Amino acid sequence: MGFPSDLEIASKAQLKPLADIAGASGIPLECLEPYGSGAAKIGLDAIAKMADRPKAKYVVVSAITPTPLGEGKTTTTVGLGMGFSHIGKQGVIAVRQPSMGPTFGIKGGAAGGGYSQVVPMELLNLHLTGDMHAVTAAHNMCSAALDAHLYHGNESGLDMHNITWRRVIDVNDRSLRNAVIGLGGRLDGVPRETGFDITAASEVMATLALCTSLQDLRERLGRIVVGYTKSGTPVTAEELKVAGSMAVILMEAIKPNLMQTLENTPALVHTGPFGNIATGNSSIVADRIGIHMGDYLITEAGFGADMGAERFFNIKCRASGLAPDAAVLVATVRGLKAHSGNHKIVAGKPLPEDLLKENPDEVHQGGDNLRKQLENMRIHGCTPVVAINVFPGDHDGDINAIKEIAEEFNARAAVSMHFTEGGAGATELAHAVAEAAEEESNFQVLYPDEMSLRDKITTVATKVYGADGAEFSPQANKQIDNYEANGFGNLPVCIAKSHLSLSHDASLKGAPTGWTLPVREVRASVGAGFVYPICGDMRTMPGLGKTPALQHIDIDADGNIVGLS
């Protein structure tokens, strides 16, 4: 009999009442708002009511630069949270909400996997408490107000060729990437080119993730820039008089969702900002609650440490005021072998046979990526622990090669088998993280607020990516000058590039050197609170493959969901 599917494992979960989960974690029951039996909202008044409780050690989980299949950050986050209970400690996890686009596309859900999952799996991956839909509605409310503003005379003087606000939907649909709206006649609006992004790519989603309170959310929504006049003056959602309505739509969505793992570890599931053009981290308000819920708060950062963790350090921690005590860097044998450049991994296809053979030399060859990502943790003053996410069939020689690379950097390394063994398989990792979190923290952001945008971009490119420098196109230079003239120069930067390489070029594996980061254009998410340079072709609306996951998802005769992964 083969290993059971994620859905089969999740269906056998023995769930505890969420009131019991909350009570054991110190959440006042009056702050709990049940959404059925599988999830509950936590009122923001819990932040103040829990402020006197001891603070947990704060741990961020990141990874080497991933393969298209991912390296298991979510399963490691969940497994580590459960692993702490096996060493007599209380772990709490904080993860992003899944987007239904990838769930029905090729990636599948984001509840973890194997015996390291957040449950109920179906609820987590399908709608949850409706937060995604609220973000979609708030974003498109702004879009509707913008087009009504144009229809009624464009009092603000928006340049029709410099409108930056698009529309969003939580579906993979490439046909919506570019669109012409307002067709049909004078009463049907002003014709113009625009398009759709997936909801996770919405600035409203990033704003929700980075706000610290309801009032802060309201103020940030007002600062959202929808476009510019011909003189370069920004036009905001506040000027369109739509920010208040957007905040009202999001009043429930700002409340974090409480769920649980297969082993009843508390799980905060909240917000899902894109990992390329946004922070790729769960919300600050969830962390402000979770930091008082146990001994360790483990939060996941999207993609590799050069992206999600760098943004966690320099954007999220800057906004939240929370400082990490340790960082977990997930590495896999297959991932490091892929960074040798000797193999081609394609999502949806079997792994190359040679990749699965024991070859410690190849692990060391691809280990340059792990070395650089360890360095990226160190330059932020954060103590790293290498989590070796073991897959069935991994060879001892390859695993030992990863340990040797960690030893080069005087970093702890621990084997974790959470996928197949749950929390019991993550006890070695839990011990290592507990030790690392006790070391004195020297956390620091990479650059000061007052540094120029060009220098911030160049600093990240050279110190984190390993580039020789950054090269700015004429368009990027013009945009940067305009942003700094409008007072946006003090914002941190969130560089949009390939997640499959330390560089902008997905084909460059390991830790490439001798290259320059090309900055094609620069956009501003003023409400969320960052500027994002674009390096390469960033797709903010995925498309469906020839055989997407949606073809296998259905309901059986008993009303049970089948085919979800």
Protein backbone atom coordinates (compact mmCIF):
# COMPACT_ATOMS: atom_id res chain seq x y z
CA MET A 1 0.00 0.00 0.00
CA GLY A 2 1.39 3.38 -1.05
CA PHE A 3 1.73 6.52 1.02
CA PRO A 4 -1.73 8.06 1.56
CA SER A 5 -2.67 11.30 -0.19
CA ASP A 6 -2.71 14.59 1.69
CA LEU A 7 -6.49 14.64 1.56
CA GLU A 8 -6.75 11.07 2.91
CA ILE A 9 -4.47 11.98 5.82
CA ALA A 10 -6.34 15.20 6.52
CA SER A 11 -9.72 13.44 6.48
CA LYS A 12 -8.64 11.31 9.45
CA ALA A 13 -7.53 14.24 11.61
CA GLN A 14 -8.76 14.29 15.20
CA LEU A 15 -9.64 17.96 15.62
CA LYS A 16 -9.99 19.69 18.96
CA PRO A 17 -12.60 22.39 19.53
CA LEU A 18 -11.03 25.70 18.57
CA ALA A 19 -12.14 27.15 21.89
CA ASP A 20 -9.80 24.64 23.55
CA ILE A 21 -6.97 25.54 21.15
CA ALA A 22 -7.51 29.23 21.87
CA GLY A 23 -7.83 28.78 25.62
CA ALA A 24 -4.58 26.82 25.87
CA SER A 25 -2.84 29.56 23.88
CA GLY A 26 -4.08 32.45 25.99
CA ILE A 27 -6.54 33.90 23.47
CA PRO A 28 -9.49 35.36 25.42
CA LEU A 29 -12.59 33.43 24.40
CA GLU A 30 -14.51 36.67 23.94
CA CYS A 31 -12.08 37.49 21.10
CA LEU A 32 -12.91 34.27 19.26
CA GLU A 33 -15.47 34.38 16.43
CA PRO A 34 -16.20 30.83 15.14
CA TYR A 35 -16.70 30.23 11.42
CA GLY A 36 -18.19 26.75 11.63
CA SER A 37 -16.13 24.14 13.47
CA GLY A 38 -12.91 24.36 11.44
CA ALA A 39 -11.85 28.00 11.72
CA ALA A 40 -12.40 31.07 13.83
CA LYS A 41 -11.61 34.74 13.48
CA ILE A 42 -9.60 36.43 16.24
CA GLY A 43 -10.75 39.95 17.07
CA LEU A 44 -8.01 42.57 17.00
CA ASP A 45 -8.75 43.50 20.61
CA ALA A 46 -6.80 40.33 21.43
CA ILE A 47 -3.58 42.26 20.70
CA ALA A 48 -4.13 44.57 23.66
CA LYS A 49 -5.66 41.91 25.91
CA MET A 50 -2.69 39.55 25.41
CA ALA A 51 0.05 42.19 25.61
CA ASP A 52 1.05 41.26 29.17
CA ARG A 53 1.66 37.61 28.31
CA PRO A 54 5.28 36.46 27.80
CA LYS A 55 6.69 36.90 24.31
CA ALA A 56 7.51 33.84 22.26
CA LYS A 57 10.77 33.36 20.45
CA TYR A 58 10.21 34.58 16.89
CA VAL A 59 11.41 32.23 14.13
CA VAL A 60 11.22 32.77 10.36
CA VAL A 61 11.30 29.80 7.96
CA SER A 62 12.86 30.33 4.54
CA ALA A 63 14.79 28.15 2.09
CA ILE A 64 17.43 27.76 -0.53
CA THR A 65 16.43 29.05 -3.96
CA PRO A 66 13.68 26.57 -4.79
CA THR A 67 13.13 24.23 -7.69
CA PRO A 68 9.79 24.58 -9.55
CA LEU A 69 8.47 21.92 -7.14
CA GLY A 70 9.36 23.88 -3.97
CA GLU A 71 11.53 22.69 -1.10
CA GLY A 72 8.88 22.20 1.59
CA LYS A 73 8.84 25.45 3.58
CA THR A 74 5.19 25.08 4.55
CA THR A 75 5.52 21.44 5.60
CA THR A 76 8.66 22.38 7.57
CA THR A 77 6.89 25.30 9.25
CA VAL A 78 4.00 23.05 10.26
CA GLY A 79 6.28 20.17 11.26
CA LEU A 80 8.50 22.41 13.38
CA GLY A 81 5.48 23.88 15.14
CA MET A 82 4.29 20.38 15.99
CA GLY A 83 7.81 19.21 16.83
CA PHE A 84 8.06 21.63 19.73
CA SER A 85 5.27 19.81 21.55
CA HIS A 86 7.43 16.67 21.42
CA ILE A 87 10.19 18.44 23.40
CA GLY A 88 7.84 19.97 25.96
CA LYS A 89 7.37 23.38 24.35
CA GLN A 90 4.40 25.19 22.80
CA GLY A 91 4.81 26.09 19.15
CA VAL A 92 2.49 28.37 17.19
CA ILE A 93 2.66 28.72 13.42
CA ALA A 94 1.69 31.58 11.10
CA VAL A 95 1.23 30.90 7.38
CA ARG A 96 -0.27 32.60 4.36
CA GLN A 97 -3.73 31.88 2.99
CA PRO A 98 -3.76 29.87 -0.24
CA SER A 99 -4.95 31.39 -3.50
CA MET A 100 -7.51 29.29 -5.33
CA GLY A 101 -5.76 30.05 -8.61
CA PRO A 102 -2.77 27.77 -7.87
CA THR A 103 -5.01 25.33 -5.96
CA PHE A 104 -7.00 24.63 -9.12
CA GLY A 105 -3.94 25.15 -11.35
CA ILE A 106 -0.72 23.15 -11.05
CA LYS A 107 0.75 23.97 -7.64
CA GLY A 108 -2.08 22.64 -5.52
CA GLY A 109 -3.03 23.94 -2.08
CA ALA A 110 -0.92 25.43 0.65
CA ALA A 111 -1.95 23.52 3.75
CA GLY A 112 1.35 21.64 4.03
CA GLY A 113 1.49 17.99 3.14
CA GLY A 114 1.72 14.42 4.37
CA TYR A 115 1.61 14.28 8.17
CA SER A 116 2.55 17.95 8.39
CA GLN A 117 -0.65 19.80 7.54
CA VAL A 118 -3.03 22.50 8.70
CA VAL A 119 -6.58 21.20 8.84
CA PRO A 120 -9.35 21.08 7.77
CA MET A 121 -7.48 20.95 4.45
CA GLU A 122 -10.55 21.56 2.29
CA LEU A 123 -11.59 24.62 4.27
CA LEU A 124 -8.09 26.10 4.20
CA ASN A 125 -7.72 25.73 0.44
CA LEU A 126 -11.27 26.64 -0.57
CA HIS A 127 -12.60 30.05 0.52
CA LEU A 128 -11.71 29.69 4.24
CA THR A 129 -13.49 32.66 5.86
CA GLY A 130 -13.79 34.67 2.66
CA ASP A 131 -10.78 36.95 3.12
CA MET A 132 -9.61 36.50 -0.48
CA HIS A 133 -13.03 37.52 -1.76
CA ALA A 134 -13.05 40.59 0.49
CA VAL A 135 -9.69 41.67 -0.91
CA THR A 136 -11.00 41.10 -4.43
CA ALA A 137 -14.11 43.17 -3.70
CA ALA A 138 -12.21 46.02 -2.04
CA HIS A 139 -9.69 46.18 -4.88
CA ASN A 140 -12.37 46.16 -7.58
CA MET A 141 -14.40 48.74 -5.67
CA CYS A 142 -11.43 51.06 -6.15
CA SER A 143 -11.29 50.10 -9.85
CA ALA A 144 -14.99 50.91 -10.28
CA ALA A 145 -14.57 54.26 -8.49
CA LEU A 146 -11.62 55.07 -10.73
CA ASP A 147 -13.53 54.41 -13.95
CA ALA A 148 -16.57 56.29 -12.66
CA HIS A 149 -14.23 59.19 -11.90
CA LEU A 150 -13.01 59.15 -15.51
CA TYR A 151 -16.57 58.90 -16.83
CA HIS A 152 -17.75 61.89 -14.82
CA GLY A 153 -15.08 64.24 -16.09
CA ASN A 154 -11.72 63.16 -14.62
CA GLU A 155 -11.57 66.05 -12.17
CA SER A 156 -8.18 64.90 -10.87
CA GLY A 157 -6.60 65.12 -14.32
CA LEU A 158 -5.44 61.51 -14.46
CA ASP A 159 -3.24 60.78 -17.45
CA MET A 160 -5.08 58.05 -19.39
CA HIS A 161 -1.70 56.59 -20.33
CA ASN A 162 -0.42 56.48 -16.75
CA ILE A 163 -3.18 54.71 -14.83
CA THR A 164 -1.52 52.00 -12.74
CA TRP A 165 -4.55 50.44 -11.01
CA ARG A 166 -5.92 47.26 -12.60
CA ARG A 167 -8.53 44.72 -11.53
CA VAL A 168 -8.12 41.37 -9.76
CA ILE A 169 -9.74 37.94 -9.56
CA ASP A 170 -8.70 34.79 -7.66
CA VAL A 171 -8.53 32.56 -10.75
CA ASN A 172 -5.70 31.61 -13.10
CA ASP A 173 -6.87 33.18 -16.38
CA ARG A 174 -4.23 34.34 -18.87
CA SER A 175 -6.91 35.77 -21.20
CA LEU A 176 -7.54 38.54 -18.66
CA ARG A 177 -3.92 39.74 -18.46
CA ASN A 178 -4.65 42.49 -20.97
CA ALA A 179 -8.10 43.88 -21.68
CA VAL A 180 -9.94 46.83 -23.15
CA ILE A 181 -12.85 48.11 -21.07
CA GLY A 182 -15.56 50.71 -21.57
CA LEU A 183 -16.60 49.44 -25.00
CA GLY A 184 -20.15 49.63 -26.27
CA GLY A 185 -21.00 53.31 -26.30
CA ARG A 186 -20.83 56.57 -24.34
CA LEU A 187 -23.02 55.29 -21.52
CA ASP A 188 -20.80 52.25 -20.98
CA GLY A 189 -17.76 54.08 -19.72
CA VAL A 190 -14.49 55.47 -21.03
CA PRO A 191 -12.66 53.01 -23.31
CA ARG A 192 -9.11 52.27 -22.16
CA GLU A 193 -6.58 49.48 -21.90
CA THR A 194 -6.18 47.71 -18.56
CA GLY A 195 -6.09 44.13 -17.30
CA PHE A 196 -6.46 41.72 -14.40
CA ASP A 197 -3.99 40.37 -11.84
CA ILE A 198 -4.60 37.45 -9.51
CA THR A 199 -5.92 38.57 -6.11
CA ALA A 200 -2.72 37.57 -4.31
CA ALA A 201 -0.91 40.19 -6.43
CA SER A 202 -3.26 42.99 -5.32
CA GLU A 203 -1.74 45.90 -3.44
CA VAL A 204 -4.77 45.62 -1.17
CA MET A 205 -3.58 42.15 -0.15
CA ALA A 206 -0.07 43.45 0.62
CA THR A 207 -1.58 46.39 2.50
CA LEU A 208 -3.70 44.04 4.61
CA ALA A 209 -0.62 41.95 5.38
CA LEU A 210 1.54 44.91 6.45
CA CYS A 211 -0.94 47.00 8.44
CA THR A 212 -0.76 46.97 12.24
CA SER A 213 -4.36 47.91 13.09
CA LEU A 214 -7.72 48.74 11.53
CA GLN A 215 -6.95 52.46 11.62
CA ASP A 216 -3.53 51.85 10.07
CA LEU A 217 -5.25 49.83 7.32
CA ARG A 218 -7.65 52.72 6.66
CA GLU A 219 -4.80 55.21 6.35
CA ARG A 220 -2.75 52.92 4.10
CA LEU A 221 -5.71 52.32 1.78
CA GLY A 222 -6.04 56.07 1.40
CA ARG A 223 -2.39 56.31 0.30
CA ILE A 224 -2.82 53.81 -2.56
CA VAL A 225 -1.80 55.46 -5.83
CA VAL A 226 -4.09 54.61 -8.76
CA GLY A 227 -2.26 56.66 -11.37
CA TYR A 228 -0.54 59.94 -12.17
CA THR A 229 -1.37 63.22 -13.84
CA LYS A 230 0.59 64.36 -16.88
CA SER A 231 2.82 66.39 -14.56
CA GLY A 232 3.64 63.27 -12.52
CA THR A 233 1.47 64.05 -9.50
CA PRO A 234 0.03 60.88 -7.88
CA VAL A 235 -3.73 60.42 -7.60
CA THR A 236 -4.79 58.36 -4.57
CA ALA A 237 -7.71 56.27 -3.43
CA GLU A 238 -8.34 58.96 -0.82
CA GLU A 239 -8.85 61.53 -3.57
CA LEU A 240 -11.33 59.18 -5.24
CA LYS A 241 -13.18 59.03 -1.89
CA VAL A 242 -13.20 55.21 -2.03
CA ALA A 243 -10.69 54.30 0.71
CA GLY A 244 -13.32 54.35 3.47
CA SER A 245 -15.56 51.91 1.63
CA MET A 246 -12.58 49.66 0.96
CA ALA A 247 -11.77 49.60 4.67
CA VAL A 248 -15.38 48.71 5.53
CA ILE A 249 -15.25 45.73 3.14
CA LEU A 250 -12.04 44.55 4.86
CA MET A 251 -13.23 44.89 8.48
CA GLU A 252 -13.65 41.13 8.88
CA ALA A 253 -10.74 40.18 6.62
CA ILE A 254 -8.25 42.02 8.85
CA LYS A 255 -8.96 39.56 11.67
CA PRO A 256 -6.55 36.58 11.59
CA ASN A 257 -7.94 33.07 11.18
CA LEU A 258 -7.27 30.44 13.84
CA MET A 259 -6.98 26.82 12.72
CA GLN A 260 -4.93 23.83 13.90
CA THR A 261 -2.45 21.27 12.63
CA LEU A 262 -2.93 17.52 12.48
CA GLU A 263 -1.47 17.41 16.02
CA ASN A 264 -3.60 20.32 17.29
CA THR A 265 -0.85 22.96 17.23
CA PRO A 266 -2.39 26.44 16.87
CA ALA A 267 -2.15 27.78 13.31
CA LEU A 268 -2.71 31.41 12.36
CA VAL A 269 -3.65 31.61 8.68
CA HIS A 270 -3.85 35.13 7.34
CA THR A 271 -3.28 37.05 4.09
CA GLY A 272 -1.48 35.80 1.02
CA PRO A 273 0.57 38.49 -0.71
CA PHE A 274 2.38 37.51 -3.90
CA GLY A 275 5.96 36.40 -3.39
CA ASN A 276 7.36 38.12 -6.49
CA ILE A 277 6.00 41.67 -6.55
CA ALA A 278 5.08 41.79 -2.86
CA THR A 279 6.37 40.57 0.50
CA GLY A 280 5.26 36.92 0.36
CA ASN A 281 4.69 36.85 4.14
CA SER A 282 1.65 36.37 6.34
CA SER A 283 0.22 39.28 8.29
CA ILE A 284 1.69 41.49 10.97
CA VAL A 285 -1.53 41.43 13.01
CA ALA A 286 -1.37 37.62 13.13
CA ASP A 287 2.20 37.80 14.40
CA ARG A 288 1.30 40.44 16.99
CA ILE A 289 -1.23 37.97 18.41
CA GLY A 290 0.85 34.84 17.89
CA ILE A 291 3.90 36.30 19.65
CA HIS A 292 1.97 35.94 22.93
CA MET A 293 0.43 32.50 22.29
CA GLY A 294 3.26 30.12 23.16
CA ASP A 295 6.99 29.55 23.49
CA TYR A 296 7.84 29.81 19.77
CA LEU A 297 6.09 31.63 16.94
CA ILE A 298 7.15 30.15 13.60
CA THR A 299 6.28 32.17 10.51
CA GLU A 300 6.97 31.29 6.89
CA ALA A 301 8.48 33.58 4.24
CA GLY A 302 7.87 32.80 0.56
CA PHE A 303 10.43 31.50 -1.93
CA GLY A 304 14.16 31.52 -1.09
CA ALA A 305 15.95 33.53 1.58
CA ASP A 306 16.98 36.10 -1.04
CA MET A 307 13.30 36.95 -1.52
CA GLY A 308 10.82 36.08 1.24
CA ALA A 309 13.31 36.27 4.11
CA GLU A 310 14.96 39.47 2.81
CA ARG A 311 11.52 41.07 2.64
CA PHE A 312 10.62 39.67 6.05
CA PHE A 313 13.73 41.34 7.50
CA ASN A 314 13.64 44.64 5.62
CA ILE A 315 9.93 45.27 5.05
CA LYS A 316 7.81 43.22 7.47
CA CYS A 317 10.03 43.57 10.56
CA ARG A 318 10.55 47.26 9.78
CA ALA A 319 6.77 47.75 9.83
CA SER A 320 5.97 45.45 12.77
CA GLY A 321 8.82 46.31 15.12
CA LEU A 322 9.28 42.59 15.85
CA ALA A 323 12.78 41.12 15.58
CA PRO A 324 13.50 37.45 14.78
CA ASP A 325 15.41 35.29 17.24
CA ALA A 326 16.39 32.62 14.70
CA ALA A 327 15.89 31.63 11.08
CA VAL A 328 15.32 28.21 9.53
CA LEU A 329 16.75 27.60 6.07
CA VAL A 330 15.08 24.62 4.39
CA ALA A 331 17.32 22.62 2.07
CA THR A 332 16.71 19.40 0.16
CA VAL A 333 19.09 17.00 -1.54
CA ARG A 334 17.21 17.30 -4.81
CA GLY A 335 17.17 21.10 -4.62
CA LEU A 336 20.93 21.39 -4.16
CA LYS A 337 21.59 18.84 -6.89
CA ALA A 338 19.42 20.95 -9.18
CA HIS A 339 21.64 23.94 -8.39
CA SER A 340 24.59 22.03 -9.77
CA GLY A 341 23.13 22.86 -13.17
CA ASN A 342 23.22 19.21 -14.22
CA HIS A 343 19.47 18.57 -14.15
CA LYS A 344 16.28 20.08 -15.51
CA ILE A 345 13.27 19.92 -13.21
CA VAL A 346 9.84 20.63 -14.67
CA ALA A 347 6.72 20.95 -12.55
CA GLY A 348 4.26 18.15 -13.33
CA LYS A 349 6.93 15.81 -14.73
CA PRO A 350 8.88 13.02 -12.97
CA LEU A 351 12.26 13.92 -11.50
CA PRO A 352 15.28 12.96 -13.66
CA GLU A 353 16.61 9.51 -12.69
CA ASP A 354 20.19 10.77 -12.26
CA LEU A 355 18.97 13.31 -9.72
CA LEU A 356 17.84 10.48 -7.44
CA LYS A 357 21.21 8.68 -7.42
CA GLU A 358 23.64 9.19 -4.51
CA ASN A 359 26.14 11.92 -5.45
CA PRO A 360 27.57 13.96 -2.54
CA ASP A 361 29.93 15.80 -4.89
CA GLU A 362 26.93 17.13 -6.80
CA VAL A 363 25.35 18.29 -3.54
CA HIS A 364 28.53 20.21 -2.73
CA GLN A 365 28.57 21.64 -6.23
CA GLY A 366 25.03 22.97 -5.91
CA GLY A 367 25.76 23.86 -2.30
CA ASP A 368 26.96 27.32 -3.32
CA ASN A 369 23.33 28.37 -3.19
CA LEU A 370 23.01 27.17 0.41
CA ARG A 371 26.25 28.92 1.29
CA LYS A 372 24.98 32.24 -0.12
CA GLN A 373 21.60 31.92 1.59
CA LEU A 374 23.32 31.20 4.92
CA GLU A 375 25.36 34.34 4.34
CA ASN A 376 22.13 36.25 3.65
CA MET A 377 20.83 35.24 7.08
CA ARG A 378 24.08 36.24 8.76
CA ILE A 379 24.24 39.73 7.22
CA HIS A 380 20.89 40.48 8.87
CA GLY A 381 22.29 39.32 12.22
CA CYS A 382 19.99 36.30 12.37
CA THR A 383 21.16 32.88 13.58
CA PRO A 384 20.41 30.25 10.90
CA VAL A 385 19.50 26.60 11.28
CA VAL A 386 19.59 24.38 8.19
CA ALA A 387 16.54 22.12 8.09
CA ILE A 388 17.32 19.13 5.88
CA ASN A 389 13.90 18.22 4.53
CA VAL A 390 14.34 14.50 3.86
CA PHE A 391 12.43 12.72 1.13
CA PRO A 392 11.97 8.95 0.94
CA GLY A 393 14.90 7.57 -1.04
CA ASP A 394 17.38 10.29 -0.05
CA HIS A 395 20.86 8.87 0.54
CA ASP A 396 22.90 9.28 3.73
CA GLY A 397 25.95 10.48 1.79
CA ASP A 398 23.94 13.30 0.21
CA ILE A 399 22.40 14.27 3.55
CA ASN A 400 25.83 14.34 5.19
CA ALA A 401 27.06 16.63 2.40
CA ILE A 402 24.43 19.20 3.42
CA LYS A 403 25.57 18.93 7.03
CA GLU A 404 29.16 19.56 5.94
CA ILE A 405 28.14 22.74 4.11
CA ALA A 406 26.33 23.97 7.23
CA GLU A 407 29.42 23.26 9.33
CA GLU A 408 31.47 25.48 7.01
CA PHE A 409 29.32 28.40 8.18
CA ASN A 410 29.22 27.27 11.80
CA ALA A 411 25.49 26.77 11.41
CA ARG A 412 23.38 24.09 13.03
CA ALA A 413 21.86 21.47 10.75
CA ALA A 414 19.08 19.05 11.58
CA VAL A 415 17.38 16.28 9.66
CA SER A 416 13.61 16.62 9.58
CA MET A 417 11.18 13.90 8.51
CA HIS A 418 7.97 15.73 9.35
CA PHE A 419 6.27 14.84 6.06
CA THR A 420 6.22 11.13 6.85
CA GLU A 421 6.37 11.24 10.66
CA GLY A 422 4.68 14.48 11.70
CA GLY A 423 5.95 16.34 14.75
CA ALA A 424 7.93 13.33 15.97
CA GLY A 425 10.02 13.56 12.83
CA ALA A 426 10.88 17.22 13.55
CA THR A 427 12.20 16.89 17.12
CA GLU A 428 15.84 17.14 16.06
CA LEU A 429 15.00 20.36 14.23
CA ALA A 430 13.00 21.69 17.19
CA HIS A 431 15.98 21.16 19.52
CA ALA A 432 18.33 22.92 17.09
CA VAL A 433 15.99 25.91 16.67
CA ALA A 434 15.46 26.18 20.43
CA GLU A 435 19.24 26.34 20.93
CA ALA A 436 19.69 28.92 18.16
CA ALA A 437 16.90 31.12 19.51
CA GLU A 438 18.70 31.35 22.87
CA GLU A 439 21.73 32.98 21.28
CA GLU A 440 21.97 36.76 21.50
CA SER A 441 20.14 38.34 18.56
CA ASN A 442 21.98 40.96 16.53
CA PHE A 443 19.18 41.57 14.06
CA GLN A 444 19.53 44.55 11.76
CA VAL A 445 17.88 45.79 8.59
CA LEU A 446 20.08 46.02 5.52
CA TYR A 447 19.64 49.73 4.78
CA PRO A 448 18.25 52.86 6.47
CA ASP A 449 15.00 54.56 5.44
CA GLU A 450 16.82 57.67 4.28
CA MET A 451 19.01 55.86 1.74
CA SER A 452 18.07 56.69 -1.88
CA LEU A 453 15.96 54.18 -3.82
CA ARG A 454 18.80 53.46 -6.27
CA ASP A 455 21.19 52.76 -3.42
CA LYS A 456 18.64 50.51 -1.67
CA ILE A 457 18.17 48.49 -4.85
CA THR A 458 21.92 48.26 -5.42
CA THR A 459 22.51 47.25 -1.80
CA VAL A 460 20.10 44.31 -2.03
CA ALA A 461 21.46 43.33 -5.44
CA THR A 462 25.09 43.24 -4.32
CA LYS A 463 24.82 42.05 -0.72
CA VAL A 464 21.93 39.56 -1.03
CA TYR A 465 21.92 38.42 -4.67
CA GLY A 466 25.68 38.55 -5.26
CA ALA A 467 25.46 40.91 -8.25
CA ASP A 468 28.23 43.32 -9.26
CA GLY A 469 25.70 46.16 -9.25
CA ALA A 470 22.39 47.33 -10.68
CA GLU A 471 21.70 48.87 -14.08
CA PHE A 472 18.67 51.15 -14.48
CA SER A 473 16.77 51.65 -17.73
CA PRO A 474 15.81 55.22 -18.75
CA GLN A 475 12.21 54.40 -17.77
CA ALA A 476 13.30 53.12 -14.33
CA ASN A 477 15.42 56.22 -13.73
CA LYS A 478 12.51 58.49 -14.64
CA GLN A 479 10.15 56.59 -12.35
CA ILE A 480 12.59 56.64 -9.42
CA ASP A 481 13.09 60.40 -9.83
CA ASN A 482 9.31 60.89 -9.81
CA TYR A 483 8.81 58.71 -6.73
CA GLU A 484 11.49 60.50 -4.77
CA ALA A 485 10.06 63.88 -5.83
CA ASN A 486 6.65 62.75 -4.52
CA GLY A 487 8.07 61.71 -1.13
CA PHE A 488 8.21 57.92 -1.68
CA GLY A 489 11.98 57.68 -1.41
CA ASN A 490 11.92 56.62 2.24
CA LEU A 491 10.06 53.39 1.44
CA PRO A 492 11.84 50.01 1.47
CA VAL A 493 12.32 48.14 -1.80
CA CYS A 494 10.77 44.83 -2.83
CA ILE A 495 12.66 43.62 -5.89
CA ALA A 496 10.55 41.60 -8.33
CA LYS A 497 12.71 38.98 -10.02
CA SER A 498 12.81 35.26 -10.73
CA HIS A 499 12.36 33.11 -7.63
CA LEU A 500 14.25 30.26 -9.31
CA SER A 501 17.67 31.94 -9.16
CA LEU A 502 19.59 34.32 -6.92
CA SER A 503 19.78 36.44 -10.06
CA HIS A 504 17.07 37.78 -12.37
CA ASP A 505 17.73 34.91 -14.81
CA ALA A 506 16.05 31.61 -13.84
CA SER A 507 18.65 29.63 -15.80
CA LEU A 508 21.53 30.78 -13.54
CA LYS A 509 21.75 28.22 -10.76
CA GLY A 510 23.86 27.98 -7.61
CA ALA A 511 25.33 31.36 -6.62
CA PRO A 512 26.10 33.14 -9.89
CA THR A 513 28.75 35.86 -10.02
CA GLY A 514 29.89 38.40 -12.59
CA TRP A 515 26.44 39.71 -13.47
CA THR A 516 24.49 42.97 -13.11
CA LEU A 517 20.84 43.29 -12.03
CA PRO A 518 18.84 44.96 -14.84
CA VAL A 519 16.06 47.17 -13.48
CA ARG A 520 13.52 47.46 -16.30
CA GLU A 521 10.90 49.56 -14.51
CA VAL A 522 9.93 50.56 -10.99
CA ARG A 523 6.44 50.62 -9.50
CA ALA A 524 5.20 51.90 -6.16
CA SER A 525 2.84 50.22 -3.70
CA VAL A 526 2.51 53.30 -1.53
CA GLY A 527 -0.41 51.99 0.50
CA ALA A 528 1.35 48.73 1.29
CA GLY A 529 4.51 50.70 1.95
CA PHE A 530 7.19 49.65 -0.53
CA VAL A 531 8.59 50.36 -3.98
CA TYR A 532 9.05 47.39 -6.29
CA PRO A 533 11.63 47.41 -9.08
CA ILE A 534 10.89 44.90 -11.85
CA CYS A 535 13.79 42.85 -13.16
CA GLY A 536 12.59 40.59 -15.93
CA ASP A 537 9.11 39.57 -17.03
CA MET A 538 6.85 39.22 -13.98
CA ARG A 539 3.55 37.45 -14.53
CA THR A 540 0.96 38.71 -12.07
CA MET A 541 -1.81 36.62 -13.61
CA PRO A 542 -0.98 32.89 -13.99
CA GLY A 543 -2.48 30.74 -16.72
CA LEU A 544 -3.87 27.24 -16.58
CA GLY A 545 -1.83 24.33 -17.96
CA LYS A 546 -3.13 21.70 -20.36
CA THR A 547 -4.14 19.38 -17.50
CA PRO A 548 -4.70 21.63 -14.45
CA ALA A 549 -5.60 20.28 -11.03
CA LEU A 550 -9.20 21.42 -11.49
CA GLN A 551 -9.77 18.48 -13.85
CA HIS A 552 -9.26 16.06 -10.97
CA ILE A 553 -11.20 17.87 -8.22
CA ASP A 554 -14.78 16.78 -7.70
CA ILE A 555 -17.46 15.72 -5.22
CA ASP A 556 -18.24 12.03 -4.70
CA ALA A 557 -21.65 10.45 -4.18
CA ASP A 558 -21.46 11.12 -0.44
CA GLY A 559 -20.71 14.81 -0.89
CA ASN A 560 -17.00 14.52 -0.05
CA ILE A 561 -14.36 16.51 -1.91
CA VAL A 562 -11.94 14.33 -3.88
CA GLY A 563 -8.81 15.09 -5.88
CA LEU A 564 -7.68 18.10 -3.85
CA SER A 565 -3.93 18.19 -3.21
